[in-house]
Amino acid sequence: MAFTDRQMYEAIETNRDVKDCFKKITNACKELKIKTGCPNDDVDRFLEFSIGKWDESD
């Protein structure tokens, strides 16, 4: 089931676990940008690459 942006924002605002994870992801992206100096598009591309691979790590 695909979620709309509105549904995602509602989940972020109403579910503490979802909100905490969203903050972790956005903070990690900001840290990656700061530490590597890469442009926003590269961070976005990294996230696109990471989709579906989160359960394969470690």
PDB file of N, CA and C in Angstrom:
ATOM      1  N   MET A   1       0.845  -1.181   0.000  1.00  0.00           N
ATOM      2  CA  MET A   1       0.000   0.000   0.000  1.00  0.00           C
ATOM      3  C   MET A   1       0.888   1.242   0.000  1.00  0.00           C
ATOM      4  N   ALA A   2       0.657   2.113  -0.931  1.00  0.00           N
ATOM      5  CA  ALA A   2       1.424   3.356  -1.010  1.00  0.00           C
ATOM      6  C   ALA A   2       0.769   4.416  -0.127  1.00  0.00           C
ATOM      7  N   PHE A   3       1.593   5.163   0.556  1.00  0.00           N
ATOM      8  CA  PHE A   3       1.105   6.239   1.409  1.00  0.00           C
ATOM      9  C   PHE A   3       1.282   7.572   0.704  1.00  0.00           C
ATOM     10  N   THR A   4       0.347   8.468   0.903  1.00  0.00           N
ATOM     11  CA  THR A   4       0.476   9.816   0.370  1.00  0.00           C
ATOM     12  C   THR A   4       1.425  10.603   1.264  1.00  0.00           C
ATOM     13  N   ASP A   5       1.916  11.717   0.748  1.00  0.00           N
ATOM     14  CA  ASP A   5       2.759  12.583   1.576  1.00  0.00           C
ATOM     15  C   ASP A   5       1.996  13.021   2.820  1.00  0.00           C
ATOM     16  N   ARG A   6       0.738  13.328   2.663  1.00  0.00           N
ATOM     17  CA  ARG A   6      -0.083  13.768   3.804  1.00  0.00           C
ATOM     18  C   ARG A   6      -0.148  12.680   4.880  1.00  0.00           C
ATOM     19  N   GLN A   7      -0.355  11.446   4.471  1.00  0.00           N
ATOM     20  CA  GLN A   7      -0.398  10.343   5.423  1.00  0.00           C
ATOM     21  C   GLN A   7       0.937  10.158   6.128  1.00  0.00           C
ATOM     22  N   MET A   8       2.013  10.337   5.381  1.00  0.00           N
ATOM     23  CA  MET A   8       3.341  10.224   5.995  1.00  0.00           C
ATOM     24  C   MET A   8       3.559  11.317   7.039  1.00  0.00           C
ATOM     25  N   TYR A   9       3.221  12.557   6.676  1.00  0.00           N
ATOM     26  CA  TYR A   9       3.379  13.656   7.629  1.00  0.00           C
ATOM     27  C   TYR A   9       2.508  13.458   8.859  1.00  0.00           C
ATOM     28  N   GLU A  10       1.312  12.939   8.671  1.00  0.00           N
ATOM     29  CA  GLU A  10       0.434  12.653   9.816  1.00  0.00           C
ATOM     30  C   GLU A  10       1.056  11.593  10.716  1.00  0.00           C
ATOM     31  N   ALA A  11       1.636  10.557  10.121  1.00  0.00           N
ATOM     32  CA  ALA A  11       2.291   9.513  10.909  1.00  0.00           C
ATOM     33  C   ALA A  11       3.482  10.078  11.670  1.00  0.00           C
ATOM     34  N   ILE A  12       4.242  10.934  11.029  1.00  0.00           N
ATOM     35  CA  ILE A  12       5.395  11.550  11.685  1.00  0.00           C
ATOM     36  C   ILE A  12       4.950  12.391  12.873  1.00  0.00           C
ATOM     37  N   GLU A  13       3.863  13.103  12.721  1.00  0.00           N
ATOM     38  CA  GLU A  13       3.390  13.981  13.790  1.00  0.00           C
ATOM     39  C   GLU A  13       2.668  13.235  14.916  1.00  0.00           C
ATOM     40  N   THR A  14       2.047  12.110  14.610  1.00  0.00           N
ATOM     41  CA  THR A  14       1.210  11.452  15.616  1.00  0.00           C
ATOM     42  C   THR A  14       1.837  10.209  16.232  1.00  0.00           C
ATOM     43  N   ASN A  15       2.885   9.670  15.625  1.00  0.00           N
ATOM     44  CA  ASN A  15       3.494   8.446  16.130  1.00  0.00           C
ATOM     45  C   ASN A  15       4.921   8.746  16.562  1.00  0.00           C
ATOM     46  N   ARG A  16       5.174   8.612  17.844  1.00  0.00           N
ATOM     47  CA  ARG A  16       6.482   8.980  18.393  1.00  0.00           C
ATOM     48  C   ARG A  16       7.620   8.178  17.766  1.00  0.00           C
ATOM     49  N   ASP A  17       7.425   6.883  17.565  1.00  0.00           N
ATOM     50  CA  ASP A  17       8.480   6.053  16.970  1.00  0.00           C
ATOM     51  C   ASP A  17       8.792   6.481  15.546  1.00  0.00           C
ATOM     52  N   VAL A  18       7.763   6.762  14.774  1.00  0.00           N
ATOM     53  CA  VAL A  18       7.958   7.221  13.400  1.00  0.00           C
ATOM     54  C   VAL A  18       8.675   8.571  13.404  1.00  0.00           C
ATOM     55  N   LYS A  19       8.257   9.449  14.295  1.00  0.00           N
ATOM     56  CA  LYS A  19       8.878  10.777  14.392  1.00  0.00           C
ATOM     57  C   LYS A  19      10.356  10.660  14.766  1.00  0.00           C
ATOM     58  N   ASP A  20      10.660   9.797  15.736  1.00  0.00           N
ATOM     59  CA  ASP A  20      12.054   9.608  16.154  1.00  0.00           C
ATOM     60  C   ASP A  20      12.913   9.071  15.006  1.00  0.00           C
ATOM     61  N   CYS A  21      12.390   8.108  14.269  1.00  0.00           N
ATOM     62  CA  CYS A  21      13.141   7.549  13.137  1.00  0.00           C
ATOM     63  C   CYS A  21      13.334   8.587  12.033  1.00  0.00           C
ATOM     64  N   PHE A  22      12.301   9.368  11.767  1.00  0.00           N
ATOM     65  CA  PHE A  22      12.408  10.423  10.754  1.00  0.00           C
ATOM     66  C   PHE A  22      13.500  11.418  11.134  1.00  0.00           C
ATOM     67  N   LYS A  23      13.547  11.782  12.411  1.00  0.00           N
ATOM     68  CA  LYS A  23      14.588  12.706  12.877  1.00  0.00           C
ATOM     69  C   LYS A  23      15.977  12.091  12.721  1.00  0.00           C
ATOM     70  N   LYS A  24      16.113  10.806  13.036  1.00  0.00           N
ATOM     71  CA  LYS A  24      17.405  10.134  12.889  1.00  0.00           C
ATOM     72  C   LYS A  24      17.864  10.132  11.440  1.00  0.00           C
ATOM     73  N   ILE A  25      16.939   9.850  10.543  1.00  0.00           N
ATOM     74  CA  ILE A  25      17.281   9.813   9.119  1.00  0.00           C
ATOM     75  C   ILE A  25      17.666  11.198   8.619  1.00  0.00           C
ATOM     76  N   THR A  26      16.882  12.221   8.968  1.00  0.00           N
ATOM     77  CA  THR A  26      17.205  13.572   8.496  1.00  0.00           C
ATOM     78  C   THR A  26      18.509  14.065   9.111  1.00  0.00           C
ATOM     79  N   ASN A  27      18.746  13.739  10.373  1.00  0.00           N
ATOM     80  CA  ASN A  27      20.009  14.138  11.001  1.00  0.00           C
ATOM     81  C   ASN A  27      21.194  13.423  10.359  1.00  0.00           C
ATOM     82  N   ALA A  28      21.020  12.156  10.006  1.00  0.00           N
ATOM     83  CA  ALA A  28      22.094  11.417   9.337  1.00  0.00           C
ATOM     84  C   ALA A  28      22.398  12.035   7.977  1.00  0.00           C
ATOM     85  N   CYS A  29      21.375  12.465   7.269  1.00  0.00           N
ATOM     86  CA  CYS A  29      21.584  13.106   5.963  1.00  0.00           C
ATOM     87  C   CYS A  29      22.336  14.419   6.123  1.00  0.00           C
ATOM     88  N   LYS A  30      21.966  15.189   7.126  1.00  0.00           N
ATOM     89  CA  LYS A  30      22.657  16.455   7.385  1.00  0.00           C
ATOM     90  C   LYS A  30      24.117  16.206   7.748  1.00  0.00           C
ATOM     91  N   GLU A  31      24.356  15.190   8.579  1.00  0.00           N
ATOM     92  CA  GLU A  31      25.723  14.847   8.968  1.00  0.00           C
ATOM     93  C   GLU A  31      26.540  14.402   7.757  1.00  0.00           C
ATOM     94  N   LEU A  32      25.952  13.597   6.895  1.00  0.00           N
ATOM     95  CA  LEU A  32      26.632  13.150   5.683  1.00  0.00           C
ATOM     96  C   LEU A  32      27.021  14.336   4.811  1.00  0.00           C
ATOM     97  N   LYS A  33      26.116  15.277   4.652  1.00  0.00           N
ATOM     98  CA  LYS A  33      26.387  16.466   3.846  1.00  0.00           C
ATOM     99  C   LYS A  33      27.522  17.288   4.451  1.00  0.00           C
ATOM    100  N   ILE A  34      27.480  17.481   5.757  1.00  0.00           N
ATOM    101  CA  ILE A  34      28.511  18.274   6.433  1.00  0.00           C
ATOM    102  C   ILE A  34      29.877  17.592   6.344  1.00  0.00           C
ATOM    103  N   LYS A  35      29.905  16.289   6.621  1.00  0.00           N
ATOM    104  CA  LYS A  35      31.185  15.576   6.681  1.00  0.00           C
ATOM    105  C   LYS A  35      31.792  15.326   5.307  1.00  0.00           C
ATOM    106  N   THR A  36      30.977  15.199   4.278  1.00  0.00           N
ATOM    107  CA  THR A  36      31.510  14.900   2.950  1.00  0.00           C
ATOM    108  C   THR A  36      31.521  16.102   2.020  1.00  0.00           C
ATOM    109  N   GLY A  37      30.698  17.103   2.342  1.00  0.00           N
ATOM    110  CA  GLY A  37      30.597  18.271   1.480  1.00  0.00           C
ATOM    111  C   GLY A  37      29.855  17.992   0.183  1.00  0.00           C
ATOM    112  N   CYS A  38      29.177  16.861   0.122  1.00  0.00           N
ATOM    113  CA  CYS A  38      28.475  16.510  -1.112  1.00  0.00           C
ATOM    114  C   CYS A  38      27.209  17.356  -1.280  1.00  0.00           C
ATOM    115  N   PRO A  39      26.775  17.545  -2.504  1.00  0.00           N
ATOM    116  CA  PRO A  39      25.570  18.331  -2.744  1.00  0.00           C
ATOM    117  C   PRO A  39      24.310  17.570  -2.319  1.00  0.00           C
ATOM    118  N   ASN A  40      23.230  18.309  -2.143  1.00  0.00           N
ATOM    119  CA  ASN A  40      21.951  17.725  -1.734  1.00  0.00           C
ATOM    120  C   ASN A  40      21.528  16.591  -2.661  1.00  0.00           C
ATOM    121  N   ASP A  41      21.750  16.751  -3.960  1.00  0.00           N
ATOM    122  CA  ASP A  41      21.356  15.719  -4.912  1.00  0.00           C
ATOM    123  C   ASP A  41      22.062  14.394  -4.632  1.00  0.00           C
ATOM    124  N   ASP A  42      23.309  14.451  -4.170  1.00  0.00           N
ATOM    125  CA  ASP A  42      24.035  13.227  -3.852  1.00  0.00           C
ATOM    126  C   ASP A  42      23.463  12.552  -2.608  1.00  0.00           C
ATOM    127  N   VAL A  43      23.054  13.344  -1.635  1.00  0.00           N
ATOM    128  CA  VAL A  43      22.414  12.778  -0.440  1.00  0.00           C
ATOM    129  C   VAL A  43      21.093  12.125  -0.841  1.00  0.00           C
ATOM    130  N   ASP A  44      20.322  12.810  -1.683  1.00  0.00           N
ATOM    131  CA  ASP A  44      19.062  12.235  -2.173  1.00  0.00           C
ATOM    132  C   ASP A  44      19.318  10.930  -2.912  1.00  0.00           C
ATOM    133  N   ARG A  45      20.337  10.903  -3.750  1.00  0.00           N
ATOM    134  CA  ARG A  45      20.659   9.693  -4.512  1.00  0.00           C
ATOM    135  C   ARG A  45      21.087   8.563  -3.588  1.00  0.00           C
ATOM    136  N   PHE A  46      21.823   8.908  -2.530  1.00  0.00           N
ATOM    137  CA  PHE A  46      22.221   7.906  -1.540  1.00  0.00           C
ATOM    138  C   PHE A  46      20.991   7.298  -0.874  1.00  0.00           C
ATOM    139  N   LEU A  47      20.012   8.142  -0.544  1.00  0.00           N
ATOM    140  CA  LEU A  47      18.777   7.625   0.052  1.00  0.00           C
ATOM    141  C   LEU A  47      18.035   6.723  -0.929  1.00  0.00           C
ATOM    142  N   GLU A  48      17.971   7.130  -2.188  1.00  0.00           N
ATOM    143  CA  GLU A  48      17.325   6.301  -3.203  1.00  0.00           C
ATOM    144  C   GLU A  48      18.028   4.945  -3.307  1.00  0.00           C
ATOM    145  N   PHE A  49      19.350   4.954  -3.284  1.00  0.00           N
ATOM    146  CA  PHE A  49      20.127   3.722  -3.353  1.00  0.00           C
ATOM    147  C   PHE A  49      19.838   2.828  -2.144  1.00  0.00           C
ATOM    148  N   SER A  50      19.644   3.448  -0.985  1.00  0.00           N
ATOM    149  CA  SER A  50      19.464   2.713   0.263  1.00  0.00           C
ATOM    150  C   SER A  50      18.082   2.071   0.404  1.00  0.00           C
ATOM    151  N   ILE A  51      17.127   2.513  -0.401  1.00  0.00           N
ATOM    152  CA  ILE A  51      15.766   1.980  -0.310  1.00  0.00           C
ATOM    153  C   ILE A  51      15.797   0.468  -0.507  1.00  0.00           C
ATOM    154  N   GLY A  52      15.202  -0.231   0.418  1.00  0.00           N
ATOM    155  CA  GLY A  52      15.126  -1.682   0.323  1.00  0.00           C
ATOM    156  C   GLY A  52      16.363  -2.433   0.774  1.00  0.00           C
ATOM    157  N   LYS A  53      17.439  -1.706   1.057  1.00  0.00           N
ATOM    158  CA  LYS A  53      18.679  -2.355   1.484  1.00  0.00           C
ATOM    159  C   LYS A  53      18.857  -2.320   2.999  1.00  0.00           C
ATOM    160  N   TRP A  54      18.003  -1.618   3.682  1.00  0.00           N
ATOM    161  CA  TRP A  54      18.148  -1.455   5.138  1.00  0.00           C
ATOM    162  C   TRP A  54      18.081  -2.787   5.862  1.00  0.00           C
ATOM    163  N   ASP A  55      17.329  -3.752   5.343  1.00  0.00           N
ATOM    164  CA  ASP A  55      17.212  -5.037   6.032  1.00  0.00           C
ATOM    165  C   ASP A  55      18.343  -6.001   5.677  1.00  0.00           C
ATOM    166  N   GLU A  56      19.201  -5.595   4.749  1.00  0.00           N
ATOM    167  CA  GLU A  56      20.336  -6.427   4.352  1.00  0.00           C
ATOM    168  C   GLU A  56      21.617  -6.037   5.056  1.00  0.00           C
ATOM    169  N   SER A  57      21.605  -4.915   5.772  1.00  0.00           N
ATOM    170  CA  SER A  57      22.851  -4.429   6.373  1.00  0.00           C
ATOM    171  C   SER A  57      23.171  -5.191   7.650  1.00  0.00           C
ATOM    172  N   ASP A  58      24.414  -5.113   8.039  1.00  0.00           N
ATOM    173  CA  ASP A  58      24.989  -5.748   9.239  1.00  0.00           C
ATOM    174  C   ASP A  58      25.122  -7.185   9.077  1.00  0.00           C
TER     175      ASP A  58
END
